[in-house]
C-alpha atoms as a PDB file:
ATOM      1  CA  MET A   1      26.363 -19.533  -8.555  1.00  0.00           C
ATOM      2  CA  PHE A   2      23.393 -18.598  -9.660  1.00  0.00           C
ATOM      3  CA  SER A   3      23.254 -20.308 -13.053  1.00  0.00           C
ATOM      4  CA  PHE A   4      19.754 -21.616 -12.899  1.00  0.00           C
ATOM      5  CA  LEU A   5      18.673 -18.373 -13.152  1.00  0.00           C
ATOM      6  CA  LYS A   6      20.007 -17.967 -16.825  1.00  0.00           C
ATOM      7  CA  GLY A   7      17.186 -17.729 -18.988  1.00  0.00           C
ATOM      8  CA  ASN A   8      14.327 -18.413 -16.328  1.00  0.00           C
ATOM      9  CA  SER A   9      13.614 -14.990 -15.395  1.00  0.00           C
ATOM     10  CA  ILE A  10      11.197 -12.171 -16.332  1.00  0.00           C
ATOM     11  CA  ASN A  11      10.851  -8.460 -15.214  1.00  0.00           C
ATOM     12  CA  THR A  12       7.818  -7.204 -13.886  1.00  0.00           C
ATOM     13  CA  THR A  13       7.447  -4.891 -17.257  1.00  0.00           C
ATOM     14  CA  ASP A  14       7.286  -8.224 -19.439  1.00  0.00           C
ATOM     15  CA  LEU A  15       4.790 -10.056 -16.516  1.00  0.00           C
ATOM     16  CA  GLN A  16       2.422  -7.152 -17.036  1.00  0.00           C
ATOM     17  CA  GLN A  17       2.196  -7.386 -20.458  1.00  0.00           C
ATOM     18  CA  MET A  18       1.494 -11.139 -20.206  1.00  0.00           C
ATOM     19  CA  LEU A  19      -1.709 -10.763 -17.333  1.00  0.00           C
ATOM     20  CA  ASP A  20      -4.261 -10.926 -20.324  1.00  0.00           C
ATOM     21  CA  SER A  21      -3.119 -14.453 -21.081  1.00  0.00           C
ATOM     22  CA  LYS A  22      -3.618 -15.671 -17.619  1.00  0.00           C
ATOM     23  CA  PRO A  23      -0.617 -17.030 -16.730  1.00  0.00           C
ATOM     24  CA  ILE A  24      -0.061 -18.919 -13.562  1.00  0.00           C
ATOM     25  CA  MET A  25       1.528 -17.175 -11.019  1.00  0.00           C
ATOM     26  CA  ILE A  26       2.789 -18.042  -7.442  1.00  0.00           C
ATOM     27  CA  ASP A  27       3.702 -15.308  -4.679  1.00  0.00           C
ATOM     28  CA  VAL A  28       5.767 -17.211  -2.100  1.00  0.00           C
ATOM     29  CA  ARG A  29       5.672 -14.385   0.242  1.00  0.00           C
ATOM     30  CA  GLU A  30       3.870 -15.179   3.901  1.00  0.00           C
ATOM     31  CA  LYS A  31       0.500 -14.784   4.069  1.00  0.00           C
ATOM     32  CA  SER A  32      -0.282 -11.527   5.940  1.00  0.00           C
ATOM     33  CA  GLU A  33       2.554 -10.119   2.812  1.00  0.00           C
ATOM     34  CA  PHE A  34       0.398 -11.585   0.495  1.00  0.00           C
ATOM     35  CA  THR A  35      -2.967 -10.368   2.026  1.00  0.00           C
ATOM     36  CA  ALA A  36      -1.263  -6.851   2.450  1.00  0.00           C
ATOM     37  CA  GLY A  37      -1.436  -6.978  -1.650  1.00  0.00           C
ATOM     38  CA  HIS A  38      -0.899  -9.097  -4.506  1.00  0.00           C
ATOM     39  CA  ILE A  39      -1.184  -9.445  -8.504  1.00  0.00           C
ATOM     40  CA  PRO A  40      -4.799 -10.243  -9.452  1.00  0.00           C
ATOM     41  CA  ASN A  41      -4.619 -14.472  -9.741  1.00  0.00           C
ATOM     42  CA  ALA A  42      -1.486 -15.087  -8.218  1.00  0.00           C
ATOM     43  CA  LYS A  43      -1.984 -17.729  -5.977  1.00  0.00           C
ATOM     44  CA  ASN A  44      -0.295 -18.011  -2.449  1.00  0.00           C
ATOM     45  CA  VAL A  45       2.325 -20.875  -1.674  1.00  0.00           C
ATOM     46  CA  PRO A  46       4.677 -19.466   1.113  1.00  0.00           C
ATOM     47  CA  LEU A  47       8.313 -20.681   0.443  1.00  0.00           C
ATOM     48  CA  SER A  48       8.328 -22.537   3.216  1.00  0.00           C
ATOM     49  CA  LYS A  49       5.324 -24.746   1.663  1.00  0.00           C
ATOM     50  CA  ILE A  50       6.729 -24.616  -2.119  1.00  0.00           C
ATOM     51  CA  SER A  51       7.858 -28.415  -1.854  1.00  0.00           C
ATOM     52  CA  THR A  52       4.044 -29.328  -1.633  1.00  0.00           C
ATOM     53  CA  TYR A  53       3.300 -27.166  -4.640  1.00  0.00           C
ATOM     54  CA  GLN A  54       1.896 -29.557  -7.640  1.00  0.00           C
ATOM     55  CA  SER A  55       1.458 -27.671 -11.334  1.00  0.00           C
ATOM     56  CA  LYS A  56      -2.009 -29.233 -12.977  1.00  0.00           C
ATOM     57  CA  GLU A  57      -1.104 -27.832 -15.870  1.00  0.00           C
ATOM     58  CA  ASN A  58       1.934 -27.904 -18.705  1.00  0.00           C
ATOM     59  CA  GLN A  59       2.919 -24.499 -18.974  1.00  0.00           C
ATOM     60  CA  PRO A  60       5.415 -21.890 -17.114  1.00  0.00           C
ATOM     61  CA  VAL A  61       4.917 -21.023 -13.432  1.00  0.00           C
ATOM     62  CA  TYR A  62       5.888 -17.340 -12.839  1.00  0.00           C
ATOM     63  CA  VAL A  63       7.065 -16.838  -9.092  1.00  0.00           C
ATOM     64  CA  ILE A  64       7.084 -13.637  -7.559  1.00  0.00           C
ATOM     65  CA  CYS A  65       7.988 -12.499  -3.879  1.00  0.00           C
ATOM     66  CA  GLN A  66       8.805  -9.062  -1.969  1.00  0.00           C
ATOM     67  CA  SER A  67      12.250  -8.746  -3.800  1.00  0.00           C
ATOM     68  CA  GLY A  68      12.926 -11.828  -5.979  1.00  0.00           C
ATOM     69  CA  MET A  69      15.423 -13.481  -3.335  1.00  0.00           C
ATOM     70  CA  ARG A  70      12.668 -16.024  -1.925  1.00  0.00           C
ATOM     71  CA  SER A  71      11.530 -16.558  -5.496  1.00  0.00           C
ATOM     72  CA  ARG A  72      14.806 -17.619  -6.893  1.00  0.00           C
ATOM     73  CA  GLN A  73      14.480 -19.918  -4.045  1.00  0.00           C
ATOM     74  CA  ALA A  74      11.288 -21.316  -4.721  1.00  0.00           C
ATOM     75  CA  VAL A  75      12.422 -21.596  -8.520  1.00  0.00           C
ATOM     76  CA  LYS A  76      15.375 -23.842  -7.829  1.00  0.00           C
ATOM     77  CA  LYS A  77      13.289 -25.966  -5.760  1.00  0.00           C
ATOM     78  CA  LEU A  78      10.305 -26.275  -8.746  1.00  0.00           C
ATOM     79  CA  LYS A  79      12.767 -26.918 -11.207  1.00  0.00           C
ATOM     80  CA  ALA A  80      14.046 -29.874  -9.199  1.00  0.00           C
ATOM     81  CA  LYS A  81      10.654 -30.975  -9.457  1.00  0.00           C
ATOM     82  CA  GLY A  82      10.678 -30.662 -12.834  1.00  0.00           C
ATOM     83  CA  ILE A  83       8.668 -27.930 -13.054  1.00  0.00           C
ATOM     84  CA  ASP A  84       9.069 -25.012 -15.530  1.00  0.00           C
ATOM     85  CA  ALA A  85       9.550 -22.546 -13.142  1.00  0.00           C
ATOM     86  CA  ILE A  86      10.657 -18.695 -13.945  1.00  0.00           C
ATOM     87  CA  ASN A  87      11.507 -15.949 -11.487  1.00  0.00           C
ATOM     88  CA  VAL A  88      10.279 -12.799 -11.571  1.00  0.00           C
ATOM     89  CA  LYS A  89      12.641 -10.201 -11.277  1.00  0.00           C
ATOM     90  CA  GLY A  90      12.623  -7.404  -8.553  1.00  0.00           C
ATOM     91  CA  GLY A  91       9.526  -9.070  -7.060  1.00  0.00           C
ATOM     92  CA  MET A  92       6.491  -7.031  -5.709  1.00  0.00           C
ATOM     93  CA  SER A  93       8.885  -4.016  -4.919  1.00  0.00           C
ATOM     94  CA  ALA A  94       9.491  -3.370  -8.501  1.00  0.00           C
ATOM     95  CA  TRP A  95       5.374  -4.197  -9.269  1.00  0.00           C
ATOM     96  CA  ARG A  96       3.450  -1.435 -11.062  1.00  0.00           C
ATOM     97  CA  GLY A  97       0.818  -2.799 -12.070  1.00  0.00           C
ATOM     98  CA  VAL A  98      -2.759  -3.599 -10.088  1.00  0.00           C
ATOM     99  CA  VAL A  99      -2.702  -5.045  -6.890  1.00  0.00           C
ATOM    100  CA  ARG A 100      -5.264  -6.787  -5.258  1.00  0.00           C
ATOM    101  CA  GLY A 101      -5.788  -6.896  -1.452  1.00  0.00           C
ATOM    102  CA  GLY A 102      -4.327  -3.559   0.553  1.00  0.00           C
ATOM    103  CA  LYS A 103      -1.660  -1.464  -0.492  1.00  0.00           C
ATOM    104  CA  LEU A 104       2.456  -2.007  -1.117  1.00  0.00           C
END
């Protein structure tokens, strides 16, 4: 059923190791969730607005939410637009790195 995810996901540990290269990250949680705590350099584009997202760069876009459910939906929508989107498995619930904003 979720065949679009095959090869299109990353775990939070691997993403954390990539932070120095400043990957493009989209957090699809609601603004209040994002403000409460997010990965540095992540941009907030709530799932309800993901269809308006335009990638300006030709590189993968890493998509995160709280648990991985909304980000999977977002990845599917972004891929349909031709964007190389990658789901962050486990979402912020699995994130053990630095967080900007409040505490999770």
